[in-house]
Amino acid sequence: MLDGFPPYAPNLSDLLVVVEIALAVMLVVGLVLVRTGHVRAHMILQSSIIFVNIPIVLYGMVPAYLTYVLPYLAADFGQPTVFVPTIMLVCGAAAEALGIYIILVAGTNWIPERLRFRRYKLWMRTELVLWWGVVIAGLTTYWLFWVPGASL
């Protein structure tokens, strides 16, 4: 148990909450960077967030979802402990996929011209909204699972 965290929360869950909050802060820093004209620094930071998050999701979040949520998905979808993590999963998968697509379009010539987007701001803002949805759903999931007496 880490000090300041719920007593029954696994250390990995505590660590993932801290890391995901740090990544969310980095998203805001990336937004500030691009708005102040530091486009290359923005690209490096935002790309790093996408790639750093992949092993976090695969090692920490997917196994937890498979263990604590998936067995109850069909019968209890309306329950917050099933619905909220499922929203996090869907938004997270969309955010990762869109993030990788943005990286490929903005940083490589691997995507054919007809499949490339032109309106970068729209796609970047969509990505930011998805990420904040994941962060909020993730913090809510942590709270529902590990804070005694928590409910929606």
Protein backbone atom coordinates (compact mmCIF):
# COMPACT_ATOMS: atom_id res chain seq x y z
CA MET A 1 0.00 0.00 0.00
CA LEU A 2 1.32 3.42 -0.93
CA ASP A 3 0.74 6.24 1.54
CA GLY A 4 -2.21 8.45 0.66
CA PHE A 5 -3.91 5.84 -1.53
CA PRO A 6 -6.88 3.65 -0.60
CA PRO A 7 -5.71 0.76 1.58
CA TYR A 8 -7.10 -2.03 -0.62
CA ALA A 9 -5.94 -0.68 -3.96
CA PRO A 10 -3.17 -2.70 -5.59
CA ASN A 11 0.13 -0.83 -5.87
CA LEU A 12 -0.03 -1.23 -9.65
CA SER A 13 -3.40 0.56 -9.73
CA ASP A 14 -2.00 3.35 -7.57
CA LEU A 15 1.00 3.68 -9.89
CA LEU A 16 -1.18 3.67 -13.01
CA VAL A 17 -3.31 6.50 -11.61
CA VAL A 18 -0.20 8.60 -10.99
CA VAL A 19 1.23 7.84 -14.45
CA GLU A 20 -2.03 8.56 -16.24
CA ILE A 21 -2.39 11.89 -14.39
CA ALA A 22 1.18 12.73 -15.43
CA LEU A 23 0.35 11.87 -19.05
CA ALA A 24 -2.76 14.08 -18.85
CA VAL A 25 -0.61 16.96 -17.60
CA MET A 26 1.78 16.30 -20.48
CA LEU A 27 -1.18 16.59 -22.90
CA VAL A 28 -1.81 20.09 -21.59
CA VAL A 29 1.90 20.93 -21.88
CA GLY A 30 1.75 19.71 -25.50
CA LEU A 31 -1.21 21.99 -26.14
CA VAL A 32 0.73 24.95 -24.72
CA LEU A 33 3.77 24.04 -26.81
CA VAL A 34 1.87 24.03 -30.10
CA ARG A 35 0.01 27.23 -29.23
CA THR A 36 3.32 29.00 -28.53
CA GLY A 37 4.83 27.86 -31.83
CA HIS A 38 6.98 24.98 -30.58
CA VAL A 39 5.54 22.51 -33.07
CA ARG A 40 8.48 20.08 -33.10
CA ALA A 41 8.53 19.84 -29.29
CA HIS A 42 4.76 19.33 -29.39
CA MET A 43 5.13 16.50 -31.92
CA ILE A 44 7.80 14.75 -29.87
CA LEU A 45 5.90 15.06 -26.59
CA GLN A 46 2.53 13.99 -27.95
CA SER A 47 4.03 11.06 -29.87
CA SER A 48 5.84 9.97 -26.72
CA ILE A 49 2.59 9.98 -24.77
CA ILE A 50 0.96 7.67 -27.32
CA PHE A 51 3.87 5.22 -27.35
CA VAL A 52 4.47 5.27 -23.57
CA ASN A 53 0.81 4.53 -22.98
CA ILE A 54 0.73 1.34 -25.08
CA PRO A 55 2.66 -0.90 -22.61
CA ILE A 56 0.79 0.68 -19.69
CA VAL A 57 -2.49 -0.33 -21.26
CA LEU A 58 -1.32 -3.81 -22.27
CA TYR A 59 0.37 -4.63 -18.95
CA GLY A 60 -1.84 -2.90 -16.42
CA MET A 61 -5.22 -2.01 -17.79
CA VAL A 62 -6.20 -4.82 -20.15
CA PRO A 63 -5.54 -7.59 -17.58
CA ALA A 64 -7.51 -5.66 -14.95
CA TYR A 65 -10.42 -5.23 -17.36
CA LEU A 66 -10.36 -8.92 -18.26
CA THR A 67 -10.32 -9.89 -14.58
CA TYR A 68 -12.66 -7.39 -12.93
CA VAL A 69 -15.06 -6.27 -15.69
CA LEU A 70 -15.37 -8.64 -18.65
CA PRO A 71 -16.91 -11.53 -16.67
CA TYR A 72 -19.78 -9.20 -15.68
CA LEU A 73 -20.19 -7.35 -18.97
CA ALA A 74 -23.30 -9.13 -20.28
CA ALA A 75 -25.20 -9.40 -17.01
CA ASP A 76 -24.30 -6.14 -15.27
CA PHE A 77 -23.52 -3.59 -18.01
CA GLY A 78 -25.65 -0.97 -16.28
CA GLN A 79 -23.55 -1.14 -13.12
CA PRO A 80 -20.98 1.68 -12.79
CA THR A 81 -18.17 -0.82 -12.09
CA VAL A 82 -18.84 -2.36 -15.51
CA PHE A 83 -20.09 0.60 -17.55
CA VAL A 84 -17.39 3.14 -16.62
CA PRO A 85 -14.38 0.88 -17.30
CA THR A 86 -15.99 -0.18 -20.58
CA ILE A 87 -16.34 3.47 -21.61
CA MET A 88 -12.67 3.89 -20.67
CA LEU A 89 -11.76 0.88 -22.83
CA VAL A 90 -13.67 2.14 -25.87
CA CYS A 91 -12.39 5.73 -25.57
CA GLY A 92 -8.87 4.45 -24.87
CA ALA A 93 -8.80 2.18 -27.89
CA ALA A 94 -10.12 5.01 -30.07
CA ALA A 95 -7.58 7.47 -28.61
CA GLU A 96 -4.64 5.11 -29.17
CA ALA A 97 -5.73 4.26 -32.72
CA LEU A 98 -6.36 7.90 -33.63
CA GLY A 99 -3.09 8.94 -31.98
CA ILE A 100 -1.11 6.45 -34.04
CA TYR A 101 -2.94 7.55 -37.19
CA ILE A 102 -2.16 11.22 -36.43
CA ILE A 103 1.51 10.34 -35.91
CA LEU A 104 1.60 8.49 -39.24
CA VAL A 105 -0.11 11.30 -41.13
CA ALA A 106 1.83 14.16 -39.51
CA GLY A 107 5.24 12.52 -39.25
CA THR A 108 5.58 10.08 -42.15
CA ASN A 109 4.58 9.63 -45.77
CA TRP A 110 3.38 6.06 -45.15
CA ILE A 111 -0.32 6.93 -45.43
CA PRO A 112 -1.57 7.34 -49.02
CA GLU A 113 -2.61 10.87 -49.92
CA ARG A 114 -6.28 9.94 -50.28
CA LEU A 115 -6.35 8.65 -46.66
CA ARG A 116 -4.61 11.65 -45.12
CA PHE A 117 -6.57 14.30 -43.27
CA ARG A 118 -6.12 18.00 -43.89
CA ARG A 119 -7.80 19.55 -40.86
CA TYR A 120 -5.18 18.89 -38.20
CA LYS A 121 -6.87 20.98 -35.52
CA LEU A 122 -10.10 18.97 -35.77
CA TRP A 123 -8.30 15.64 -35.37
CA MET A 124 -5.99 16.91 -32.61
CA ARG A 125 -8.94 18.29 -30.68
CA THR A 126 -10.83 15.03 -31.15
CA GLU A 127 -7.80 13.19 -29.79
CA LEU A 128 -7.61 15.52 -26.79
CA VAL A 129 -11.31 15.01 -26.00
CA LEU A 130 -10.89 11.22 -26.23
CA TRP A 131 -7.85 11.33 -23.92
CA TRP A 132 -9.68 13.43 -21.34
CA GLY A 133 -12.60 11.00 -21.54
CA VAL A 134 -10.15 8.19 -20.79
CA VAL A 135 -8.56 10.10 -17.91
CA ILE A 136 -11.91 10.93 -16.33
CA ALA A 137 -13.26 7.40 -16.82
CA GLY A 138 -9.98 5.96 -15.49
CA LEU A 139 -10.02 8.07 -12.34
CA THR A 140 -13.70 7.22 -11.85
CA THR A 141 -12.94 3.52 -12.32
CA TYR A 142 -10.14 3.67 -9.74
CA TRP A 143 -12.46 5.47 -7.34
CA LEU A 144 -15.31 2.97 -7.84
CA PHE A 145 -13.09 -0.08 -7.37
CA TRP A 146 -10.75 0.98 -4.60
CA VAL A 147 -12.28 3.77 -2.50
CA PRO A 148 -14.39 2.17 0.26
CA GLY A 149 -18.06 3.12 -0.05
CA ALA A 150 -17.65 4.82 -3.44
CA SER A 151 -20.59 4.81 -5.82
CA LEU A 152 -22.18 6.84 -8.59
